[in-house]
Amino acid sequence: MIPSHVRIFVCTEPVDMRRSFDGLALAARERLGKDPREGGLFVFANKRSNRLKVLWFDRNGYCLLYKRLHRALFQLPRDGDASAVQIDGVALGSLLAGVDRPRRGEEVRERRFGTLQ
C-alpha cells in the first residue's frame, strides 16, 4: 500500500526500456520537470505499452520496479497533450494490473498451437 501523501507521476510519452536508474532519472527531469531525489514515484512505459518501470529515490539510492505483461497492456492515463499526469496509489494499482487485450497476431499464434478452442 502506498501512503496517500506520496506523489506519483506518469510519463505519457513512451520511453526506451533499455534505460535504467540514471537514464530514467534524467527522463524524469527532462520530460516531467521533476527531480526524483525530491520524492515521489515516476512511472514510464514503452511504446507497445506492455512494459512499465517505476523509479523512486529511497534515502540513499534509486529503486526500480520493472513489470512486463504477456497478455495485457498498460493503459496510461492521459490529460490532453501533457507530458505527465499525477495519479494516486489506487490508480497506480489499476495501472499495474493492466488491461486484458489480445495483441495483434496473438490469437492466430494460439490457434496454431492448439490452445484456443
Protein backbone atom coordinates (compact mmCIF):
# COMPACT_ATOMS: atom_id res chain seq x y z
CA MET A 1 0.00 0.00 0.00
CA ILE A 2 1.35 3.39 -0.97
CA PRO A 3 0.76 6.21 1.53
CA SER A 4 -1.62 8.90 0.28
CA HIS A 5 1.00 11.65 0.65
CA VAL A 6 3.31 10.05 -1.95
CA ARG A 7 3.17 11.83 -5.30
CA ILE A 8 3.01 9.57 -8.37
CA PHE A 9 3.86 10.95 -11.81
CA VAL A 10 3.14 9.03 -15.02
CA CYS A 11 5.08 9.97 -18.14
CA THR A 12 2.57 9.87 -21.01
CA GLU A 13 5.27 9.63 -23.70
CA PRO A 14 6.91 6.25 -24.45
CA VAL A 15 10.38 5.67 -23.01
CA ASP A 16 13.12 3.30 -24.16
CA MET A 17 13.02 0.43 -21.65
CA ARG A 18 16.78 -0.10 -22.01
CA ARG A 19 17.13 2.93 -19.74
CA SER A 20 17.95 2.11 -16.16
CA PHE A 21 18.32 4.18 -12.97
CA ASP A 22 20.24 7.20 -14.26
CA GLY A 23 18.54 7.27 -17.67
CA LEU A 24 15.08 7.25 -16.12
CA ALA A 25 16.09 9.88 -13.55
CA LEU A 26 17.23 12.05 -16.46
CA ALA A 27 13.90 11.42 -18.25
CA ALA A 28 12.04 12.48 -15.09
CA ARG A 29 13.99 15.74 -15.01
CA GLU A 30 13.78 16.47 -18.75
CA ARG A 31 10.28 15.26 -19.64
CA LEU A 32 8.44 15.75 -16.37
CA GLY A 33 10.37 18.66 -14.90
CA LYS A 34 10.73 16.83 -11.56
CA ASP A 35 13.78 15.72 -9.61
CA PRO A 36 13.33 12.11 -8.40
CA ARG A 37 15.56 12.81 -5.38
CA GLU A 38 12.89 15.17 -4.04
CA GLY A 39 10.46 12.28 -3.61
CA GLY A 40 7.68 10.63 -5.50
CA LEU A 41 7.26 7.70 -7.84
CA PHE A 42 7.93 8.09 -11.56
CA VAL A 43 6.17 5.74 -13.97
CA PHE A 44 7.40 5.08 -17.52
CA ALA A 45 6.05 2.75 -20.23
CA ASN A 46 7.34 1.60 -23.60
CA LYS A 47 5.76 2.31 -26.98
CA ARG A 48 3.91 -1.04 -27.11
CA SER A 49 2.51 -0.47 -23.58
CA ASN A 50 3.48 -3.94 -22.41
CA ARG A 51 6.46 -2.93 -20.22
CA LEU A 52 6.48 -0.47 -17.36
CA LYS A 53 9.13 0.84 -14.97
CA VAL A 54 8.59 2.74 -11.73
CA LEU A 55 11.53 4.75 -10.36
CA TRP A 56 11.88 6.29 -6.89
CA PHE A 57 14.66 7.53 -4.64
CA ASP A 58 14.87 5.87 -1.24
CA ARG A 59 17.11 7.66 1.30
CA ASN A 60 20.45 6.84 -0.32
CA GLY A 61 19.75 5.35 -3.75
CA TYR A 62 17.36 4.71 -6.60
CA CYS A 63 14.89 1.82 -6.64
CA LEU A 64 13.33 0.38 -9.76
CA LEU A 65 10.26 -1.78 -10.31
CA TYR A 66 10.01 -3.38 -13.75
CA LYS A 67 6.89 -5.19 -14.97
CA ARG A 68 6.26 -6.91 -18.30
CA LEU A 69 2.78 -8.02 -19.29
CA HIS A 70 2.22 -11.06 -21.50
CA ARG A 71 -1.46 -10.98 -22.45
CA ALA A 72 -2.42 -7.49 -21.37
CA LEU A 73 -1.41 -3.88 -21.90
CA PHE A 74 -0.84 -0.95 -19.60
CA GLN A 75 -3.40 1.79 -20.13
CA LEU A 76 -1.72 5.07 -19.28
CA PRO A 77 -3.82 7.98 -18.08
CA ARG A 78 -4.00 10.95 -20.44
CA ASP A 79 -4.51 14.66 -19.86
CA GLY A 80 -4.59 16.29 -23.26
CA ASP A 81 -1.06 16.92 -24.54
CA ALA A 82 0.53 16.94 -21.08
CA SER A 83 3.80 15.00 -20.84
CA ALA A 84 2.94 13.88 -17.29
CA VAL A 85 -0.12 13.02 -15.26
CA GLN A 86 -0.25 12.84 -11.48
CA ILE A 87 -2.22 9.90 -10.05
CA ASP A 88 -2.86 8.34 -6.63
CA GLY A 89 -1.97 4.93 -5.23
CA VAL A 90 -5.28 3.33 -6.21
CA ALA A 91 -4.82 4.45 -9.82
CA LEU A 92 -1.26 3.10 -9.78
CA GLY A 93 -2.58 -0.28 -8.62
CA SER A 94 -5.06 -0.33 -11.51
CA LEU A 95 -2.36 0.74 -13.94
CA LEU A 96 -0.02 -2.05 -12.79
CA ALA A 97 -2.80 -4.64 -13.21
CA GLY A 98 -3.03 -3.89 -16.92
CA VAL A 99 -5.97 -4.27 -19.26
CA ASP A 100 -6.62 -7.64 -20.91
CA ARG A 101 -6.31 -7.23 -24.63
CA PRO A 102 -5.07 -9.66 -27.24
CA ARG A 103 -2.19 -8.12 -29.13
CA ARG A 104 -2.05 -8.18 -32.91
CA GLY A 105 -1.46 -11.72 -34.20
CA GLU A 106 -1.74 -13.32 -30.76
CA GLU A 107 -4.99 -15.16 -31.45
CA VAL A 108 -3.61 -16.64 -34.66
CA ARG A 109 -0.49 -17.94 -32.87
CA GLU A 110 -2.55 -19.51 -30.08
CA ARG A 111 -4.82 -21.28 -32.56
CA ARG A 112 -1.84 -22.66 -34.42
CA PHE A 113 -0.57 -24.29 -31.22
CA GLY A 114 -4.00 -25.57 -30.23
CA THR A 115 -4.60 -23.52 -27.09
CA LEU A 116 -7.81 -21.84 -28.32
CA GLN A 117 -10.99 -23.83 -28.57
